[in-house]
Amino acid sequence: MTKGVAIFASGGGSNMRALVADMTGDHPARPAVVLSNNADAGCISWAQGQGIATEVVDHRPFGADRAAFEAAMTAALAAHAPDIICLAGFMRKLTAGFTDAWAGRMINIHPSLLPKYKGLHTHARALEAGDAQHGCTVHEVTAALDDGPILGQARLDVAPDDTPETLSARVLTLEHRLYPAVLRRFAAGDRSPVTLKG
């Protein structure tokens, strides 16, 4: 039975586009809805152009009340009945109330080789540490930031002349390969990790 996927994004959604492009043919999932906290986000206009349902839940009217914001997102998702949530550059931290409700059904991509460099500025931190390798990780989402069981990693060798910007661009190309590969396996019920090399 085909799974419905909700993709959460806050910006242009390049990982969202990679996921959607792969959800064809014999893929065990299809996009059900794209949800953003930003009505002007490029992911929304792109998804609409592809005929994919969209929802916008602006976080700003909720202030510091994350539970109310998440309740509004849950209500927005109800009509689409997704089986899986993919976070693809969704720039809001989710509380345990939301992540627990989706335990085992929500995944995220992060631009580092977790457990290294949770949070922001991962590429600069990898360079500052003198790491020989860097990459990205897809993991199940828990209430802890950039935590949860690892479902896949892609790695590349850091070049001597890499900057945070060049490293970011190189890792992004790996993200666009890794995330679809993991979702395809995850939607089929297979949680064995995917490993890629750039």
Protein backbone atom coordinates (compact mmCIF):
# COMPACT_ATOMS: atom_id res chain seq x y z
CA MET A 1 0.00 0.00 0.00
CA THR A 2 1.40 3.39 -1.01
CA LYS A 3 2.38 5.70 1.86
CA GLY A 4 1.49 9.39 1.90
CA VAL A 5 4.33 11.77 2.75
CA ALA A 6 4.04 15.24 4.27
CA ILE A 7 7.12 17.36 3.57
CA PHE A 8 7.83 20.29 5.93
CA ALA A 9 10.04 23.08 4.58
CA SER A 10 10.69 26.75 5.35
CA GLY A 11 12.59 27.90 2.26
CA GLY A 12 13.14 26.96 -1.36
CA GLY A 13 12.93 23.27 -0.59
CA SER A 14 15.71 21.75 -2.69
CA ASN A 15 15.58 18.56 -0.63
CA MET A 16 11.78 18.56 -0.98
CA ARG A 17 12.20 18.70 -4.76
CA ALA A 18 14.65 15.79 -4.68
CA LEU A 19 12.20 13.73 -2.61
CA VAL A 20 9.25 14.52 -4.89
CA ALA A 21 11.28 13.75 -8.04
CA ASP A 22 12.05 10.29 -6.69
CA MET A 23 8.48 9.44 -5.62
CA THR A 24 7.42 7.95 -8.95
CA GLY A 25 7.14 4.54 -10.53
CA ASP A 26 7.62 1.69 -8.06
CA HIS A 27 8.41 4.02 -5.14
CA PRO A 28 6.39 2.93 -2.06
CA ALA A 29 5.34 6.51 -1.26
CA ARG A 30 3.84 9.62 -2.85
CA PRO A 31 3.78 13.27 -1.73
CA ALA A 32 0.56 14.03 0.16
CA VAL A 33 1.18 17.66 1.17
CA VAL A 34 3.90 20.28 1.52
CA LEU A 35 3.63 22.31 4.72
CA SER A 36 5.52 25.50 5.49
CA ASN A 37 5.59 28.08 8.25
CA ASN A 38 6.28 30.73 5.60
CA ALA A 39 3.64 31.66 3.00
CA ASP A 40 6.32 33.22 0.78
CA ALA A 41 8.58 30.16 0.81
CA GLY A 42 9.64 28.90 -2.59
CA CYS A 43 8.66 25.38 -1.60
CA ILE A 44 4.98 26.39 -1.52
CA SER A 45 4.83 27.94 -4.99
CA TRP A 46 6.87 25.07 -6.46
CA ALA A 47 4.62 22.41 -4.91
CA GLN A 48 1.51 24.20 -6.13
CA GLY A 49 3.00 24.24 -9.62
CA GLN A 50 3.43 20.45 -9.37
CA GLY A 51 -0.18 19.96 -8.31
CA ILE A 52 0.80 18.95 -4.77
CA ALA A 53 -1.45 20.06 -1.92
CA THR A 54 0.04 22.76 0.31
CA GLU A 55 -0.60 24.10 3.81
CA VAL A 56 0.85 27.21 5.47
CA VAL A 57 0.87 27.53 9.25
CA ASP A 58 2.61 30.79 10.20
CA HIS A 59 4.37 30.35 13.54
CA ARG A 60 4.47 34.07 14.34
CA PRO A 61 0.90 34.56 15.61
CA PHE A 62 1.55 31.84 18.20
CA GLY A 63 4.51 33.64 19.78
CA ALA A 64 6.25 31.36 22.27
CA ASP A 65 3.31 28.93 22.39
CA ARG A 66 4.85 26.07 20.44
CA ALA A 67 2.13 23.64 21.49
CA ALA A 68 -0.57 25.82 19.91
CA PHE A 69 1.51 26.16 16.72
CA GLU A 70 1.94 22.40 16.55
CA ALA A 71 -1.76 21.84 17.20
CA ALA A 72 -2.49 24.07 14.20
CA MET A 73 -0.06 22.03 12.08
CA THR A 74 -1.72 18.80 13.21
CA ALA A 75 -5.11 20.21 12.23
CA ALA A 76 -3.74 21.28 8.83
CA LEU A 77 -2.36 17.77 8.23
CA ALA A 78 -5.59 16.00 9.13
CA ALA A 79 -7.25 16.34 5.73
CA HIS A 80 -4.18 14.84 4.01
CA ALA A 81 -3.73 11.88 6.41
CA PRO A 82 0.01 11.42 5.83
CA ASP A 83 1.79 8.28 6.99
CA ILE A 84 5.26 9.84 7.12
CA ILE A 85 6.65 13.34 7.74
CA CYS A 86 9.92 14.39 6.09
CA LEU A 87 11.54 17.53 7.49
CA ALA A 88 13.37 19.25 4.65
CA GLY A 89 14.79 22.51 5.92
CA PHE A 90 11.95 23.19 8.35
CA MET A 91 13.38 25.86 10.62
CA ARG A 92 11.25 25.34 13.71
CA LYS A 93 12.20 23.14 16.66
CA LEU A 94 9.43 20.69 17.46
CA THR A 95 8.36 19.78 20.99
CA ALA A 96 8.07 16.31 22.46
CA GLY A 97 4.29 16.55 22.18
CA PHE A 98 4.56 16.63 18.37
CA THR A 99 7.55 14.33 17.90
CA ASP A 100 6.12 11.67 20.23
CA ALA A 101 2.88 11.63 18.25
CA TRP A 102 4.90 10.90 15.11
CA ALA A 103 7.50 8.61 16.68
CA GLY A 104 8.88 6.19 14.10
CA ARG A 105 7.13 8.06 11.27
CA MET A 106 9.12 11.32 11.01
CA ILE A 107 12.58 11.74 9.50
CA ASN A 108 14.98 14.64 9.00
CA ILE A 109 18.16 15.41 7.09
CA HIS A 110 21.02 17.22 8.82
CA PRO A 111 24.22 18.60 7.19
CA SER A 112 26.80 16.81 9.32
CA LEU A 113 27.92 13.31 10.18
CA LEU A 114 25.87 12.95 13.34
CA PRO A 115 26.45 12.75 16.24
CA LYS A 116 28.98 15.41 15.27
CA TYR A 117 27.81 19.03 14.97
CA LYS A 118 24.19 19.10 15.99
CA GLY A 119 22.54 22.46 15.39
CA LEU A 120 23.73 25.23 13.09
CA HIS A 121 26.95 26.22 11.25
CA THR A 122 27.96 22.61 10.71
CA HIS A 123 30.27 23.24 7.74
CA ALA A 124 32.31 25.94 9.50
CA ARG A 125 32.56 23.75 12.59
CA ALA A 126 33.84 20.78 10.56
CA LEU A 127 36.50 22.99 8.97
CA GLU A 128 37.52 24.54 12.28
CA ALA A 129 37.95 21.05 13.74
CA GLY A 130 40.17 20.04 10.81
CA ASP A 131 37.95 17.11 9.89
CA ALA A 132 39.14 14.98 6.99
CA GLN A 133 35.56 14.00 6.14
CA HIS A 134 32.18 15.70 6.34
CA GLY A 135 28.72 14.91 5.05
CA CYS A 136 25.06 14.56 5.94
CA THR A 137 22.79 12.30 7.96
CA VAL A 138 19.15 11.23 7.76
CA HIS A 139 17.70 10.26 11.11
CA GLU A 140 14.42 9.56 12.84
CA VAL A 141 13.16 12.63 14.68
CA THR A 142 12.94 12.71 18.46
CA ALA A 143 12.39 15.61 20.85
CA ALA A 144 16.17 16.03 21.21
CA LEU A 145 17.78 18.29 18.59
CA ASP A 146 19.33 16.38 15.67
CA ASP A 147 19.08 13.12 17.58
CA GLY A 148 17.29 9.82 16.98
CA PRO A 149 18.27 6.60 15.20
CA ILE A 150 20.45 7.14 12.12
CA LEU A 151 18.90 5.88 8.88
CA GLY A 152 21.64 6.92 6.47
CA GLN A 153 24.84 8.90 5.99
CA ALA A 154 26.70 10.25 2.99
CA ARG A 155 30.28 11.43 3.33
CA LEU A 156 32.91 13.21 1.28
CA ASP A 157 36.55 14.13 1.72
CA VAL A 158 37.18 17.71 2.83
CA ALA A 159 39.38 19.53 0.31
CA PRO A 160 42.30 21.69 1.50
CA ASP A 161 40.75 24.77 -0.10
CA ASP A 162 37.18 24.16 1.10
CA THR A 163 35.30 27.07 2.66
CA PRO A 164 32.02 26.79 4.57
CA GLU A 165 30.29 27.86 1.34
CA THR A 166 31.97 25.33 -0.96
CA LEU A 167 31.53 22.57 1.60
CA SER A 168 27.85 23.43 1.99
CA ALA A 169 27.32 23.23 -1.78
CA ARG A 170 29.13 19.90 -2.04
CA VAL A 171 27.23 18.39 0.89
CA LEU A 172 23.92 19.60 -0.55
CA THR A 173 24.45 17.48 -3.67
CA LEU A 174 24.93 14.49 -1.34
CA GLU A 175 21.75 15.39 0.55
CA HIS A 176 19.80 15.26 -2.72
CA ARG A 177 21.02 11.67 -3.23
CA LEU A 178 20.82 10.41 0.34
CA TYR A 179 17.39 11.67 1.42
CA PRO A 180 15.44 10.06 -1.46
CA ALA A 181 17.35 6.80 -1.01
CA VAL A 182 16.52 6.68 2.69
CA LEU A 183 12.86 7.62 2.20
CA ARG A 184 12.41 4.89 -0.43
CA ARG A 185 13.76 2.30 2.01
CA PHE A 186 11.98 3.77 5.06
CA ALA A 187 8.58 3.89 3.32
CA ALA A 188 8.99 0.20 2.50
CA GLY A 189 9.46 -0.54 6.21
CA ASP A 190 13.23 -1.04 6.01
CA ARG A 191 15.22 0.91 8.61
CA SER A 192 18.65 -0.52 7.75
CA PRO A 193 21.04 2.41 7.20
CA VAL A 194 21.95 3.72 3.74
CA THR A 195 25.61 4.62 3.20
CA LEU A 196 26.81 6.78 0.30
CA LYS A 197 30.18 8.26 -0.64
CA GLY A 198 30.62 11.52 -2.52
